[in-house]
């Protein structure tokens, strides 16, 4: 059983490398923008 788990792990690694080679590295999700409070009372005058 241990042999099968190691084989599956190696197949996963190989598949991941193949996908990265074809599509590029897996992109990180874009960080969410943090809303910045703006005091616009001055701009209304």
C-alpha atoms as a PDB file:
ATOM      1  CA  UNK A   1       0.000   0.000   0.000  1.00  0.00           C
ATOM      2  CA  UNK A   2       2.900   2.322   0.772  1.00  0.00           C
ATOM      3  CA  UNK A   3       4.216   1.737  -2.741  1.00  0.00           C
ATOM      4  CA  UNK A   4       0.924   2.870  -4.286  1.00  0.00           C
ATOM      5  CA  UNK A   5       0.849   6.055  -2.208  1.00  0.00           C
ATOM      6  CA  UNK A   6       4.391   6.963  -3.262  1.00  0.00           C
ATOM      7  CA  UNK A   7       3.529   6.217  -6.886  1.00  0.00           C
ATOM      8  CA  UNK A   8       0.437   8.448  -6.706  1.00  0.00           C
ATOM      9  CA  UNK A   9       2.469  11.249  -5.103  1.00  0.00           C
ATOM     10  CA  UNK A  10       5.046  11.072  -7.886  1.00  0.00           C
ATOM     11  CA  UNK A  11       2.303  11.070 -10.518  1.00  0.00           C
ATOM     12  CA  UNK A  12       0.739  14.157  -8.902  1.00  0.00           C
ATOM     13  CA  UNK A  13       4.098  15.938  -8.903  1.00  0.00           C
ATOM     14  CA  UNK A  14       4.672  15.008 -12.547  1.00  0.00           C
ATOM     15  CA  UNK A  15       1.197  16.213 -13.524  1.00  0.00           C
ATOM     16  CA  UNK A  16       1.731  19.490 -11.649  1.00  0.00           C
ATOM     17  CA  UNK A  17       5.064  20.077 -13.412  1.00  0.00           C
ATOM     18  CA  UNK A  18       3.469  19.293 -16.763  1.00  0.00           C
ATOM     19  CA  UNK A  19       0.608  21.720 -16.137  1.00  0.00           C
ATOM     20  CA  UNK A  20       3.029  24.433 -14.985  1.00  0.00           C
ATOM     21  CA  UNK A  21       5.140  23.850 -18.084  1.00  0.00           C
ATOM     22  CA  UNK A  22       2.165  24.196 -20.402  1.00  0.00           C
ATOM     23  CA  UNK A  23       0.183  26.931 -18.659  1.00  0.00           C
ATOM     24  CA  UNK A  24       2.799  28.641 -16.528  1.00  0.00           C
ATOM     25  CA  UNK A  25       3.012  28.600 -12.740  1.00  0.00           C
ATOM     26  CA  UNK A  26      -0.193  28.625 -10.786  1.00  0.00           C
ATOM     27  CA  UNK A  27      -1.165  32.223 -10.204  1.00  0.00           C
ATOM     28  CA  UNK A  28      -1.826  33.606  -6.803  1.00  0.00           C
ATOM     29  CA  UNK A  29      -5.243  35.150  -6.278  1.00  0.00           C
ATOM     30  CA  UNK A  30      -5.261  38.919  -6.443  1.00  0.00           C
ATOM     31  CA  UNK A  31      -5.366  40.509  -3.011  1.00  0.00           C
ATOM     32  CA  UNK A  32      -8.626  42.180  -2.094  1.00  0.00           C
ATOM     33  CA  UNK A  33      -8.514  45.935  -2.073  1.00  0.00           C
ATOM     34  CA  UNK A  34      -8.898  47.532   1.322  1.00  0.00           C
ATOM     35  CA  UNK A  35     -11.424  50.363   1.290  1.00  0.00           C
ATOM     36  CA  UNK A  36      -9.935  53.615   2.540  1.00  0.00           C
ATOM     37  CA  UNK A  37     -12.381  55.973   4.222  1.00  0.00           C
ATOM     38  CA  UNK A  38     -12.351  59.417   2.647  1.00  0.00           C
ATOM     39  CA  UNK A  39     -13.588  62.523   4.349  1.00  0.00           C
ATOM     40  CA  UNK A  40     -15.046  64.365   1.357  1.00  0.00           C
ATOM     41  CA  UNK A  41     -16.813  67.132   3.290  1.00  0.00           C
ATOM     42  CA  UNK A  42     -14.130  69.598   2.126  1.00  0.00           C
ATOM     43  CA  UNK A  43     -14.596  68.749  -1.552  1.00  0.00           C
ATOM     44  CA  UNK A  44     -18.313  69.593  -1.462  1.00  0.00           C
ATOM     45  CA  UNK A  45     -17.665  73.248  -0.623  1.00  0.00           C
END
